[in-house]
């Protein structure tokens, strides 16, 4: 994951099932994250992914 760059985040790519990822998206699509949760992850990464 690159803090500040959600578009380059393998963490987010894996969560959304983006093309080109290795393995199975996590969590599986049937138990995946809601769009609200995914947006929260995008915002967290865009904000520098602070560990607070």
N, C-alpha and C. Protein backbone atom coordinates (compact mmCIF):
# COMPACT_ATOMS: atom_id res chain seq x y z
N UNK A 1 0.83 -1.17 0.00
CA UNK A 1 0.00 0.00 0.00
C UNK A 1 0.88 1.23 0.00
N UNK A 2 0.51 2.23 -0.78
CA UNK A 2 1.21 3.49 -0.80
C UNK A 2 0.31 4.55 -0.17
N UNK A 3 0.73 5.03 0.97
CA UNK A 3 -0.06 6.06 1.66
C UNK A 3 -0.25 7.26 0.73
N UNK A 4 -1.48 7.75 0.70
CA UNK A 4 -1.80 8.90 -0.14
C UNK A 4 -2.18 8.56 -1.57
N UNK A 5 -2.10 7.27 -1.95
CA UNK A 5 -2.39 6.87 -3.32
C UNK A 5 -3.34 5.67 -3.37
N UNK A 6 -4.63 5.90 -3.12
CA UNK A 6 -5.57 4.78 -3.14
C UNK A 6 -5.62 4.07 -4.49
N UNK A 7 -5.36 4.80 -5.58
CA UNK A 7 -5.38 4.19 -6.91
C UNK A 7 -4.24 3.20 -7.11
N UNK A 8 -3.18 3.28 -6.31
CA UNK A 8 -2.04 2.38 -6.42
C UNK A 8 -2.00 1.35 -5.29
N UNK A 9 -3.07 1.27 -4.54
CA UNK A 9 -3.10 0.41 -3.35
C UNK A 9 -3.46 -1.03 -3.68
N UNK A 10 -2.54 -1.95 -3.39
CA UNK A 10 -2.85 -3.37 -3.58
C UNK A 10 -3.86 -3.81 -2.52
N UNK A 11 -3.84 -3.19 -1.36
CA UNK A 11 -4.82 -3.48 -0.31
C UNK A 11 -6.23 -3.23 -0.84
N UNK A 12 -6.45 -2.07 -1.42
CA UNK A 12 -7.77 -1.73 -1.94
C UNK A 12 -8.10 -2.56 -3.18
N UNK A 13 -7.12 -2.79 -4.03
CA UNK A 13 -7.35 -3.61 -5.23
C UNK A 13 -7.81 -5.01 -4.85
N UNK A 14 -7.20 -5.57 -3.81
CA UNK A 14 -7.58 -6.90 -3.36
C UNK A 14 -8.99 -6.89 -2.79
N UNK A 15 -9.37 -5.84 -2.10
CA UNK A 15 -10.71 -5.75 -1.49
C UNK A 15 -11.81 -5.54 -2.51
N UNK A 16 -11.47 -4.97 -3.68
CA UNK A 16 -12.48 -4.70 -4.69
C UNK A 16 -12.49 -5.71 -5.82
N UNK A 17 -11.52 -6.67 -5.80
CA UNK A 17 -11.46 -7.67 -6.85
C UNK A 17 -10.98 -7.08 -8.17
N UNK A 18 -10.14 -6.06 -8.09
CA UNK A 18 -9.63 -5.40 -9.29
C UNK A 18 -8.88 -6.40 -10.18
N UNK A 19 -8.89 -6.12 -11.45
CA UNK A 19 -8.20 -6.96 -12.42
C UNK A 19 -6.70 -6.94 -12.16
N UNK A 20 -6.07 -8.09 -12.30
CA UNK A 20 -4.63 -8.18 -12.18
C UNK A 20 -4.12 -8.55 -10.80
N UNK A 21 -5.01 -8.76 -9.84
CA UNK A 21 -4.54 -9.17 -8.52
C UNK A 21 -4.33 -10.67 -8.50
N UNK A 22 -3.43 -11.12 -7.65
CA UNK A 22 -3.19 -12.55 -7.50
C UNK A 22 -4.13 -13.12 -6.46
N UNK A 23 -4.62 -14.30 -6.69
CA UNK A 23 -5.46 -14.98 -5.71
C UNK A 23 -6.89 -14.49 -5.71
N UNK A 24 -7.58 -14.81 -4.65
CA UNK A 24 -8.99 -14.50 -4.48
C UNK A 24 -9.16 -13.17 -3.76
N UNK A 25 -10.11 -12.33 -4.20
CA UNK A 25 -10.36 -11.08 -3.48
C UNK A 25 -10.73 -11.37 -2.03
N UNK A 26 -10.27 -10.52 -1.15
CA UNK A 26 -10.57 -10.68 0.28
C UNK A 26 -11.25 -9.43 0.79
N UNK A 27 -12.28 -9.53 1.53
CA UNK A 27 -13.03 -10.76 1.79
C UNK A 27 -13.74 -11.21 0.51
N UNK A 28 -14.19 -12.48 0.49
CA UNK A 28 -14.87 -12.98 -0.70
C UNK A 28 -16.05 -12.07 -1.07
N UNK A 29 -16.36 -11.97 -2.37
CA UNK A 29 -17.44 -11.09 -2.82
C UNK A 29 -18.75 -11.25 -2.05
N UNK A 30 -19.11 -12.46 -1.69
CA UNK A 30 -20.38 -12.68 -0.97
C UNK A 30 -20.35 -12.04 0.42
N UNK A 31 -19.18 -11.90 0.99
CA UNK A 31 -19.06 -11.31 2.32
C UNK A 31 -18.24 -10.04 2.28
N UNK A 32 -18.23 -9.40 1.12
CA UNK A 32 -17.38 -8.25 0.90
C UNK A 32 -17.77 -7.01 1.70
N UNK A 33 -16.97 -5.99 1.53
CA UNK A 33 -17.20 -4.72 2.20
C UNK A 33 -18.23 -3.91 1.43
N UNK A 34 -19.03 -3.15 2.16
CA UNK A 34 -20.01 -2.27 1.53
C UNK A 34 -19.27 -1.13 0.83
N UNK A 35 -19.95 -0.46 -0.08
CA UNK A 35 -19.36 0.70 -0.75
C UNK A 35 -18.95 1.77 0.26
N UNK A 36 -19.74 1.95 1.31
CA UNK A 36 -19.38 2.92 2.36
C UNK A 36 -18.06 2.55 3.02
N UNK A 37 -17.87 1.28 3.31
CA UNK A 37 -16.62 0.82 3.94
C UNK A 37 -15.44 0.96 2.98
N UNK A 38 -15.66 0.61 1.71
CA UNK A 38 -14.59 0.76 0.72
C UNK A 38 -14.20 2.23 0.57
N UNK A 39 -15.18 3.11 0.59
CA UNK A 39 -14.89 4.54 0.49
C UNK A 39 -14.12 5.01 1.72
N UNK A 40 -14.43 4.47 2.89
CA UNK A 40 -13.69 4.81 4.10
C UNK A 40 -12.23 4.37 3.98
N UNK A 41 -11.99 3.20 3.39
CA UNK A 41 -10.62 2.72 3.19
C UNK A 41 -9.90 3.63 2.19
N UNK A 42 -10.58 3.99 1.09
CA UNK A 42 -9.99 4.91 0.11
C UNK A 42 -9.60 6.23 0.76
N UNK A 43 -10.51 6.78 1.56
CA UNK A 43 -10.25 8.06 2.24
C UNK A 43 -9.09 7.93 3.22
N UNK A 44 -9.01 6.82 3.95
CA UNK A 44 -7.93 6.59 4.90
C UNK A 44 -6.58 6.56 4.17
N UNK A 45 -6.53 5.84 3.04
CA UNK A 45 -5.29 5.77 2.27
C UNK A 45 -4.95 7.14 1.71
N UNK A 46 -5.94 7.82 1.13
CA UNK A 46 -5.71 9.16 0.57
C UNK A 46 -5.21 10.14 1.62
N UNK A 47 -5.64 9.94 2.86
CA UNK A 47 -5.22 10.82 3.95
C UNK A 47 -3.88 10.44 4.54
N UNK A 48 -3.17 9.51 3.93
CA UNK A 48 -1.85 9.13 4.39
C UNK A 48 -1.82 7.89 5.25
N UNK A 49 -2.95 7.23 5.41
CA UNK A 49 -3.06 5.98 6.18
C UNK A 49 -2.45 6.09 7.58
N UNK A 50 -2.91 7.07 8.36
CA UNK A 50 -2.35 7.24 9.71
C UNK A 50 -2.69 6.05 10.60
N UNK A 51 -1.81 5.75 11.50
CA UNK A 51 -1.99 4.66 12.47
C UNK A 51 -2.38 5.24 13.81
N UNK A 52 -3.50 5.89 13.86
CA UNK A 52 -3.91 6.48 15.13
C UNK A 52 -5.11 5.81 15.66
